[in-house]
Protein backbone atom coordinates (compact mmCIF):
# COMPACT_ATOMS: atom_id res chain seq x y z
CA UNK A 1 175.43 59.02 -0.85
CA UNK A 2 173.96 60.93 -3.60
CA UNK A 3 170.90 61.78 -1.24
CA UNK A 4 173.47 62.59 1.54
CA UNK A 5 175.06 65.16 -0.76
CA UNK A 6 171.92 67.00 -1.64
CA UNK A 7 170.99 67.22 2.17
CA UNK A 8 174.25 68.87 2.73
CA UNK A 9 173.95 71.57 0.49
CA UNK A 10 170.02 72.41 0.90
CA UNK A 11 169.74 76.08 1.99
CA UNK A 12 168.45 76.49 5.55
CA UNK A 13 164.67 77.42 5.46
CA UNK A 14 164.38 81.47 5.90
CA UNK A 15 162.82 82.57 9.20
CA UNK A 16 159.69 84.36 9.04
CA UNK A 17 159.61 88.09 9.76
CA UNK A 18 159.34 89.20 13.23
CA UNK A 19 156.81 91.97 14.34
CA UNK A 20 157.24 94.14 17.53
CA UNK A 21 154.54 96.34 18.44
CA UNK A 22 154.64 98.95 21.23
CA UNK A 23 150.84 97.54 22.64
CA UNK A 24 148.95 94.76 21.70
CA UNK A 25 146.23 94.34 24.40
CA UNK A 26 143.91 96.62 26.11
CA UNK A 27 143.55 98.63 22.34
CA UNK A 28 140.79 100.71 21.34
CA UNK A 29 140.06 102.64 18.12
CA UNK A 30 141.94 105.87 18.04
CA UNK A 31 144.89 104.44 19.59
CA UNK A 32 148.47 104.61 17.62
CA UNK A 33 150.92 102.28 18.16
CA UNK A 34 154.35 101.84 17.00
CA UNK A 35 155.51 98.74 15.34
CA UNK A 36 158.74 97.49 13.86
CA UNK A 37 159.23 94.48 11.55
CA UNK A 38 162.99 92.78 11.35
CA UNK A 39 163.85 89.49 9.25
CA UNK A 40 162.36 90.16 5.93
CA UNK A 41 163.96 90.02 2.44
CA UNK A 42 166.41 93.06 2.23
CA UNK A 43 165.70 95.56 -0.35
CA UNK A 44 161.91 95.18 -0.91
CA UNK A 45 160.54 97.96 -2.69
CA UNK A 46 156.84 97.61 -2.10
CA UNK A 47 155.71 96.26 1.40
CA UNK A 48 152.56 96.49 3.42
CA UNK A 49 151.98 96.77 6.95
CA UNK A 50 148.74 97.57 9.07
CA UNK A 51 145.80 96.50 10.87
CA UNK A 52 143.89 93.62 9.19
CA UNK A 53 141.61 90.68 9.93
CA UNK A 54 143.59 87.33 10.33
CA UNK A 55 145.13 85.70 7.48
CA UNK A 56 144.62 88.86 5.13
CA UNK A 57 144.88 87.95 1.15
CA UNK A 58 143.47 90.90 -0.38
CA UNK A 59 143.64 94.64 0.39
CA UNK A 60 140.28 95.21 1.49
CA UNK A 61 141.17 92.51 4.24
CA UNK A 62 142.80 95.48 5.92
CA UNK A 63 142.25 98.87 7.16
CA UNK A 64 142.37 101.59 4.48
CA UNK A 65 145.27 103.87 4.08
CA UNK A 66 143.71 107.12 4.66
CA UNK A 67 142.61 105.86 8.08
CA UNK A 68 146.31 105.74 9.32
CA UNK A 69 145.53 101.97 9.75
CA UNK A 70 147.86 100.66 7.17
CA UNK A 71 150.99 102.26 5.18
CA UNK A 72 153.15 101.40 2.31
CA UNK A 73 156.69 100.95 2.87
CA UNK A 74 160.21 98.82 1.92
CA UNK A 75 162.63 96.96 3.62
CA UNK A 76 166.34 98.34 4.06
CA UNK A 77 169.23 96.26 3.17
CA UNK A 78 169.34 94.49 6.65
CA UNK A 79 165.68 93.55 5.89
CA UNK A 80 164.07 96.06 8.17
CA UNK A 81 160.80 97.32 7.26
CA UNK A 82 161.26 101.34 6.81
CA UNK A 83 158.56 103.66 5.95
CA UNK A 84 158.53 105.90 3.08
CA UNK A 85 160.49 108.64 5.10
CA UNK A 86 163.19 105.87 6.16
CA UNK A 87 161.82 105.61 9.43
CA UNK A 88 162.16 101.71 11.28
CA UNK A 89 159.35 102.86 13.63
CA UNK A 90 156.07 102.75 11.95
CA UNK A 91 152.88 104.41 13.24
CA UNK A 92 149.60 102.45 13.07
CA UNK A 93 146.51 104.14 13.67
CA UNK A 94 143.83 101.53 14.98
CA UNK A 95 140.27 101.46 13.88
CA UNK A 96 137.44 99.71 15.18
CA UNK A 97 136.69 97.26 12.00
CA UNK A 98 139.34 95.99 9.61
CA UNK A 99 138.80 93.77 6.46
CA UNK A 100 135.03 93.61 7.89
CA UNK A 101 136.12 92.43 11.11
CA UNK A 102 134.86 93.78 14.39
CA UNK A 103 138.25 94.08 16.22
CA UNK A 104 136.72 94.36 19.51
CA UNK A 105 134.52 90.93 19.27
CA UNK A 106 137.24 88.48 20.79
CA UNK A 107 140.97 88.76 21.19
CA UNK A 108 142.72 88.24 18.16
CA UNK A 109 139.95 89.49 15.76
CA UNK A 110 142.09 91.79 14.16
CA UNK A 111 146.01 91.58 13.58
CA UNK A 112 149.02 93.67 12.62
CA UNK A 113 150.13 91.99 9.59
CA UNK A 114 152.94 92.72 7.23
CA UNK A 115 153.68 91.34 3.63
CA UNK A 116 155.51 92.22 0.67
CA UNK A 117 152.76 91.38 -2.56
CA UNK A 118 155.60 90.80 -4.66
CA UNK A 119 157.43 88.14 -2.44
CA UNK A 120 155.02 87.18 0.06
CA UNK A 121 156.19 83.66 1.04
CA UNK A 122 159.42 84.60 3.34
CA UNK A 123 157.81 88.09 3.92
CA UNK A 124 154.53 87.54 5.86
CA UNK A 125 153.89 87.65 9.26
CA UNK A 126 151.04 88.62 11.62
CA UNK A 127 150.57 89.35 15.40
CA UNK A 128 147.03 89.49 17.16
CA UNK A 129 145.64 92.49 18.97
CA UNK A 130 143.31 92.21 21.62
CA UNK A 131 140.85 95.34 22.24
CA UNK A 132 139.71 96.49 25.60
CA UNK A 133 136.13 94.81 26.09
CA UNK A 134 136.85 92.21 23.54
CA UNK A 135 134.08 89.46 23.56
CA UNK A 136 131.52 91.65 25.27
CA UNK A 137 128.92 91.63 22.39
CA UNK A 138 129.81 88.62 20.90
CA UNK A 139 127.88 86.05 22.96
CA UNK A 140 124.74 88.54 24.02
CA UNK A 141 122.78 88.35 20.88
CA UNK A 142 124.75 88.55 17.73
CA UNK A 143 125.10 92.49 17.25
CA UNK A 144 126.29 92.98 20.83
CA UNK A 145 122.88 95.65 21.05
CA UNK A 146 121.48 94.19 24.01
CA UNK A 147 124.23 95.63 26.17
CA UNK A 148 126.74 92.82 26.43
CA UNK A 149 129.56 95.40 26.81
CA UNK A 150 127.98 96.97 29.29
CA UNK A 151 129.52 95.06 32.13
CA UNK A 152 132.86 95.97 31.25
CA UNK A 153 133.33 93.23 28.60
CA UNK A 154 134.59 89.85 28.47
CA UNK A 155 133.17 86.28 27.35
CA UNK A 156 130.44 86.64 30.15
CA UNK A 157 128.47 89.47 28.24
CA UNK A 158 126.06 86.89 26.97
CA UNK A 159 124.44 86.12 30.33
CA UNK A 160 124.40 89.75 31.24
CA UNK A 161 122.86 91.19 27.87
CA UNK A 162 119.71 92.51 29.29
CA UNK A 163 117.85 89.91 27.80
CA UNK A 164 119.47 90.29 24.26
CA UNK A 165 120.06 86.70 23.83
CA UNK A 166 116.29 86.23 23.25
CA UNK A 167 115.79 88.81 20.57
CA UNK A 168 117.14 86.92 17.57
CA UNK A 169 114.69 84.02 17.88
CA UNK A 170 111.30 85.48 18.15
CA UNK A 171 109.39 82.04 17.94
CA UNK A 172 108.63 79.12 19.95
CA UNK A 173 110.20 78.05 22.99
CA UNK A 174 112.24 75.32 21.24
CA UNK A 175 113.53 77.79 18.57
CA UNK A 176 111.33 77.25 15.83
CA UNK A 177 110.64 80.58 14.30
CA UNK A 178 107.15 82.17 14.03
CA UNK A 179 107.05 82.54 10.43
CA UNK A 180 107.64 78.56 10.06
CA UNK A 181 104.84 78.07 12.51
CA UNK A 182 102.53 80.49 10.51
CA UNK A 183 103.67 78.75 7.41
CA UNK A 184 102.51 75.24 8.66
CA UNK A 185 99.30 76.74 9.71
CA UNK A 186 98.23 78.20 6.13
CA UNK A 187 99.33 74.71 4.79
CA UNK A 188 96.73 73.01 7.03
CA UNK A 189 93.90 75.62 5.98
CA UNK A 190 94.48 74.90 2.48
CA UNK A 191 94.40 71.25 2.60
CA UNK A 192 91.19 71.95 4.87
CA UNK A 193 89.72 73.92 2.22
CA UNK A 194 90.55 71.36 -0.54
CA UNK A 195 88.30 68.72 1.23
CA UNK A 196 85.27 71.40 1.87
CA UNK A 197 84.83 72.38 -2.03
CA UNK A 198 84.26 69.05 -3.58
CA UNK A 199 81.74 68.35 -0.53
CA UNK A 200 79.78 71.50 -1.34
CA UNK A 201 79.83 70.65 -5.28
CA UNK A 202 78.27 67.44 -4.64
CA UNK A 203 75.62 68.97 -2.52
CA UNK A 204 74.62 70.98 -5.41
């Protein structure tokens, strides 16, 4: 019975905040989207909202405030995010990279995230973003420099990257780097020299 009483009076789990954005797909750097956040703890005085890499933990995991990609705000008495001027419509200007993540690399490479640094548990949430052409350079040679995005993006960029997929491994066909083969040759040459030198000494 005691256990049943404990269960009866336990408070319900708090729902996570909900983020709504005017656009989350087909994005590009320079776009400005409108974001609303509801369901946060009421009357929080310090809340951050912006474009970040997934699962941000530190300020530099998100876009810098001076880019427009992140802003500071608070929550009102109903738990809505409000900007410094009291608006529930936050404007976020998207950037190409956030927290070191290339937002066009693949769908969900960057997110819109919100948190209250002093009370993160019930006040953290994120939604994924998809930039136009996301994934076009990821499989075409590591940095996308081989034209992986030239075919309009997509995950098929690796096979149409103009040969860039072969650039990172400039070595033997089985993937052994050239410098490793050279090192092996030097070791063998050194061994041969050690065999020749004693023989010459015996000849003298």
